Amino acid sequence: MTSLPPITIDRNSPVPLYHQLIAGIRNAISEGALSAGSMLPNELDIAKTLHLSRPTVRKAMDELVRSGLLVRKRGVGTQVVSNEIRRPLSLSSLYDDLTLSGISPSTRVLTFETIAPSPVIAEELRLSEEETVYHIRRVRYENKTPLALMENWVPTSIGNITQAMLEKTGLYESMRSLGATFSVGHQKIGATIADAEQAEHLKTTLGAPLVSMKRTIMNDVGTRIETGSHVYRADLYTFEMTLSQ
């Protein structure tokens, strides 16, 4: 059985204790301190170690099981399923999703420039010949591990986006700060293999499997305000969805 990595519980924080425990275990999984297959201590031992009530620990474990990071096995205990990032299909940014999952994202901006869009991008964003776009390329990290290589085009008419804004927070949050709204998105998800540049930025091997995603976003009046093409390390990242009939 794996001992629980150090987890800080701040009783003066407004964040509920069980949320703090969820975030601590999520971080331990994403950083590799808890690897796939690791058996966690039982809930009573975790409660004693962190000076929490057993119901608080149970609530956190239930949420981690529902999210697919842990599994309970009868007669065996609670086991880590995977250390990959699972992202729901919704109109949100990777930065926002990582933050809400208790993970500390960071960004390295590779390209930030104002350009005349290519004919393909101009058509996708429904731009005239005179309009320009921000062309942005970034590497997104989760707990210092490169997760995604992202390329985006945003009409400059949206307002003044700066490289400093993108290094501090996500693109969508930067756009929201300028008054942008997000209403409808069209998205395609696929698979590809890493070329030399992608492998270098994502710290993986040439030909490694990658998850690909292309998305175009419209605001609440139907104007196309962003289009992007991203690739994610397939060993760390999946999209998930709920289906119903």
Protein backbone atom coordinates (compact mmCIF):
# COMPACT_ATOMS: atom_id res chain seq x y z
CA MET A 1 0.00 0.00 0.00
CA THR A 2 1.31 3.45 -0.96
CA SER A 3 1.62 6.05 1.77
CA LEU A 4 -0.21 9.30 1.16
CA PRO A 5 2.07 12.06 -0.22
CA PRO A 6 2.22 15.29 1.83
CA ILE A 7 -1.05 17.21 1.47
CA THR A 8 -1.59 20.63 3.05
CA ILE A 9 -4.98 21.28 4.63
CA ASP A 10 -5.64 24.94 5.48
CA ARG A 11 -8.45 25.21 8.02
CA ASN A 12 -8.48 29.00 7.64
CA SER A 13 -9.19 28.77 3.91
CA PRO A 14 -12.72 29.37 2.59
CA VAL A 15 -12.23 26.30 0.36
CA PRO A 16 -14.07 23.30 1.90
CA LEU A 17 -11.79 20.72 3.48
CA TYR A 18 -12.93 17.92 1.20
CA HIS A 19 -12.16 20.12 -1.85
CA GLN A 20 -8.66 20.70 -0.48
CA LEU A 21 -8.20 16.95 -0.11
CA ILE A 22 -9.47 16.35 -3.66
CA ALA A 23 -7.04 18.96 -5.01
CA GLY A 24 -4.15 17.45 -3.04
CA ILE A 25 -4.76 13.93 -4.35
CA ARG A 26 -5.35 15.20 -7.92
CA ASN A 27 -2.02 17.06 -7.81
CA ALA A 28 -0.24 13.99 -6.43
CA ILE A 29 -1.63 11.90 -9.30
CA SER A 30 -0.81 14.45 -12.01
CA GLU A 31 2.74 14.94 -10.65
CA GLY A 32 3.32 11.17 -10.49
CA ALA A 33 3.63 10.99 -6.70
CA LEU A 34 0.67 8.62 -6.93
CA SER A 35 1.09 6.48 -10.03
CA ALA A 36 -1.50 4.35 -11.81
CA GLY A 37 -2.11 1.19 -9.77
CA SER A 38 -1.09 2.71 -6.42
CA MET A 39 -3.23 1.62 -3.46
CA LEU A 40 -4.26 4.43 -1.13
CA PRO A 41 -4.41 4.10 2.66
CA ASN A 42 -7.89 3.41 3.98
CA GLU A 43 -10.17 6.35 4.75
CA LEU A 44 -9.71 6.06 8.51
CA ASP A 45 -5.91 6.26 8.19
CA ILE A 46 -6.18 9.26 5.84
CA ALA A 47 -8.52 10.96 8.31
CA LYS A 48 -6.08 10.39 11.20
CA THR A 49 -3.05 11.54 9.16
CA LEU A 50 -4.66 14.79 8.02
CA HIS A 51 -6.78 15.35 11.16
CA LEU A 52 -10.01 15.26 9.17
CA SER A 53 -13.33 13.63 9.90
CA ARG A 54 -14.03 10.34 8.21
CA PRO A 55 -17.16 11.74 6.42
CA THR A 56 -14.98 14.51 4.95
CA VAL A 57 -12.51 11.95 3.61
CA ARG A 58 -15.33 9.75 2.31
CA LYS A 59 -16.87 12.70 0.44
CA ALA A 60 -13.52 13.48 -1.23
CA MET A 61 -12.96 9.82 -2.17
CA ASP A 62 -16.46 9.56 -3.61
CA GLU A 63 -15.81 12.56 -5.85
CA LEU A 64 -12.45 11.20 -7.05
CA VAL A 65 -14.07 7.84 -7.84
CA ARG A 66 -16.86 9.58 -9.80
CA SER A 67 -14.28 11.57 -11.77
CA GLY A 68 -12.50 8.35 -12.75
CA LEU A 69 -9.19 8.96 -10.99
CA LEU A 70 -9.75 6.31 -8.31
CA VAL A 71 -11.54 2.97 -8.18
CA ARG A 72 -12.74 1.00 -5.16
CA LYS A 73 -12.09 -2.74 -5.25
CA ARG A 74 -13.98 -4.94 -2.82
CA GLY A 75 -11.63 -6.61 -0.37
CA VAL A 76 -8.64 -4.74 -1.81
CA GLY A 77 -9.07 -1.01 -1.22
CA THR A 78 -8.95 2.22 -3.20
CA GLN A 79 -6.63 2.33 -6.19
CA VAL A 80 -5.36 5.04 -8.54
CA VAL A 81 -6.70 4.36 -12.02
CA SER A 82 -4.68 6.80 -14.12
CA ASN A 83 -2.68 10.00 -14.01
CA GLU A 84 -4.13 11.40 -17.24
CA ILE A 85 -6.13 14.62 -17.41
CA ARG A 86 -9.81 14.06 -18.26
CA ARG A 87 -11.51 17.04 -19.82
CA PRO A 88 -15.29 17.32 -20.24
CA LEU A 89 -16.64 18.41 -23.62
CA SER A 90 -17.85 21.91 -22.86
CA LEU A 91 -17.32 25.50 -24.00
CA SER A 92 -14.41 26.15 -21.65
CA SER A 93 -10.66 26.64 -21.89
CA LEU A 94 -8.00 24.16 -20.88
CA TYR A 95 -6.67 26.71 -18.37
CA ASP A 96 -10.08 26.99 -16.70
CA ASP A 97 -10.61 23.21 -16.65
CA LEU A 98 -7.21 22.57 -15.08
CA THR A 99 -7.75 25.26 -12.46
CA LEU A 100 -11.19 23.91 -11.53
CA SER A 101 -9.63 20.45 -11.17
CA GLY A 102 -7.22 21.76 -8.54
CA ILE A 103 -4.21 21.68 -10.89
CA SER A 104 -1.79 24.59 -11.22
CA PRO A 105 -1.51 25.44 -14.96
CA SER A 106 1.23 27.56 -16.47
CA THR A 107 1.94 28.85 -19.97
CA ARG A 108 4.97 29.46 -22.18
CA VAL A 109 4.18 31.76 -25.10
CA LEU A 110 6.07 30.72 -28.24
CA THR A 111 4.53 33.19 -30.71
CA PHE A 112 2.53 36.36 -30.15
CA GLU A 113 2.08 38.58 -33.19
CA THR A 114 -0.46 40.66 -35.09
CA ILE A 115 -0.75 39.50 -38.70
CA ALA A 116 -2.97 39.48 -41.75
CA PRO A 117 -4.73 36.11 -41.58
CA SER A 118 -4.20 33.43 -44.19
CA PRO A 119 -7.13 32.88 -46.59
CA VAL A 120 -8.12 29.76 -44.61
CA ILE A 121 -8.22 31.60 -41.26
CA ALA A 122 -9.93 34.65 -42.78
CA GLU A 123 -12.66 32.42 -44.18
CA GLU A 124 -13.07 30.52 -40.90
CA LEU A 125 -13.43 33.76 -38.91
CA ARG A 126 -15.46 35.51 -41.64
CA LEU A 127 -12.99 38.40 -41.83
CA SER A 128 -12.59 41.06 -44.51
CA GLU A 129 -9.30 41.66 -46.33
CA GLU A 130 -8.48 44.65 -44.12
CA GLU A 131 -8.87 42.90 -40.77
CA THR A 132 -5.99 41.50 -38.74
CA VAL A 133 -5.68 38.77 -36.12
CA TYR A 134 -3.61 37.88 -33.10
CA HIS A 135 -1.61 34.75 -33.93
CA ILE A 136 -0.75 32.94 -30.69
CA ARG A 137 1.22 29.73 -30.07
CA ARG A 138 1.64 28.44 -26.52
CA VAL A 139 2.70 25.41 -24.53
CA ARG A 140 0.36 24.69 -21.62
CA TYR A 141 1.82 22.93 -18.57
CA GLU A 142 0.09 21.15 -15.71
CA ASN A 143 2.33 21.09 -12.66
CA LYS A 144 5.38 21.80 -14.89
CA THR A 145 4.64 18.89 -17.25
CA PRO A 146 3.96 19.95 -20.87
CA LEU A 147 0.42 18.88 -21.76
CA ALA A 148 -0.68 20.79 -24.86
CA LEU A 149 0.69 22.76 -27.80
CA MET A 150 -1.93 25.34 -28.78
CA GLU A 151 -2.23 27.64 -31.80
CA ASN A 152 -4.99 30.26 -31.92
CA TRP A 153 -6.17 33.14 -34.08
CA VAL A 154 -8.30 35.95 -32.60
CA PRO A 155 -9.54 39.05 -34.46
CA THR A 156 -7.72 42.13 -33.13
CA SER A 157 -11.06 43.96 -33.15
CA ILE A 158 -11.81 42.18 -29.87
CA GLY A 159 -9.49 44.54 -28.00
CA ASN A 160 -5.96 44.74 -26.63
CA ILE A 161 -4.66 41.28 -25.74
CA THR A 162 -1.07 41.22 -24.49
CA GLN A 163 1.50 38.48 -24.08
CA ALA A 164 1.62 39.22 -20.36
CA MET A 165 -2.12 38.47 -20.10
CA LEU A 166 -1.62 35.10 -21.80
CA GLU A 167 1.28 34.17 -19.53
CA LYS A 168 -0.78 34.99 -16.45
CA THR A 169 -4.10 33.37 -17.35
CA GLY A 170 -5.95 31.58 -20.16
CA LEU A 171 -6.88 33.00 -23.55
CA TYR A 172 -10.62 32.84 -22.86
CA GLU A 173 -10.23 34.66 -19.54
CA SER A 174 -8.18 37.33 -21.32
CA MET A 175 -10.95 37.69 -23.92
CA ARG A 176 -13.64 37.83 -21.23
CA SER A 177 -11.78 40.67 -19.54
CA LEU A 178 -12.27 42.63 -22.77
CA GLY A 179 -16.02 41.97 -22.75
CA ALA A 180 -16.12 38.92 -25.04
CA THR A 181 -18.96 36.44 -24.63
CA PHE A 182 -18.91 32.75 -25.60
CA SER A 183 -22.11 31.23 -26.91
CA VAL A 184 -21.54 28.45 -29.47
CA GLY A 185 -18.52 26.41 -30.44
CA HIS A 186 -17.85 23.98 -33.28
CA GLN A 187 -15.20 21.42 -32.38
CA LYS A 188 -13.49 18.47 -34.08
CA ILE A 189 -11.48 15.93 -32.06
CA GLY A 190 -9.10 13.48 -33.68
CA ALA A 191 -5.74 11.78 -33.41
CA THR A 192 -2.33 12.40 -34.89
CA ILE A 193 1.34 11.63 -34.25
CA ALA A 194 3.99 14.04 -33.04
CA ASP A 195 6.29 15.69 -35.55
CA ALA A 196 9.74 16.84 -34.50
CA GLU A 197 8.65 20.28 -33.26
CA GLN A 198 5.64 18.95 -31.36
CA ALA A 199 7.74 16.21 -29.76
CA GLU A 200 10.32 18.79 -28.62
CA HIS A 201 7.78 21.15 -27.05
CA LEU A 202 5.73 18.36 -25.42
CA LYS A 203 8.79 16.42 -24.17
CA THR A 204 7.70 13.25 -25.92
CA THR A 205 9.06 11.11 -28.75
CA LEU A 206 8.84 11.60 -32.51
CA GLY A 207 5.75 9.75 -33.70
CA ALA A 208 4.14 9.60 -30.24
CA PRO A 209 0.32 9.59 -30.28
CA LEU A 210 -1.38 12.94 -29.76
CA VAL A 211 -5.00 14.00 -29.32
CA SER A 212 -5.89 16.77 -31.79
CA MET A 213 -8.61 19.38 -31.46
CA LYS A 214 -9.84 22.17 -33.73
CA ARG A 215 -12.41 24.66 -32.46
CA THR A 216 -14.13 27.84 -33.61
CA ILE A 217 -16.10 29.99 -31.15
CA MET A 218 -18.97 32.41 -31.74
CA ASN A 219 -20.24 35.08 -29.35
CA ASP A 220 -23.85 35.68 -28.35
CA VAL A 221 -24.62 37.59 -31.56
CA GLY A 222 -23.08 34.96 -33.85
CA THR A 223 -19.74 36.67 -34.57
CA ARG A 224 -16.77 34.32 -34.83
CA ILE A 225 -14.27 35.49 -32.23
CA GLU A 226 -11.64 32.73 -32.07
CA THR A 227 -10.39 29.67 -33.89
CA GLY A 228 -7.69 27.29 -32.74
CA SER A 229 -5.80 24.09 -33.45
CA HIS A 230 -4.38 22.20 -30.46
CA VAL A 231 -2.56 18.94 -29.82
CA TYR A 232 -2.35 17.14 -26.47
CA ARG A 233 -0.16 14.33 -25.18
CA ALA A 234 -2.32 11.22 -25.46
CA ASP A 235 -0.60 9.58 -22.47
CA LEU A 236 -1.76 12.43 -20.22
CA TYR A 237 -4.99 13.66 -21.71
CA THR A 238 -8.46 12.52 -22.81
CA PHE A 239 -11.80 14.15 -23.58
CA GLU A 240 -14.85 12.69 -21.87
CA MET A 241 -18.58 13.03 -22.48
CA THR A 242 -21.86 11.86 -21.05
CA LEU A 243 -24.30 10.18 -23.46
CA SER A 244 -28.02 9.71 -23.03
CA GLN A 245 -30.91 8.34 -25.07
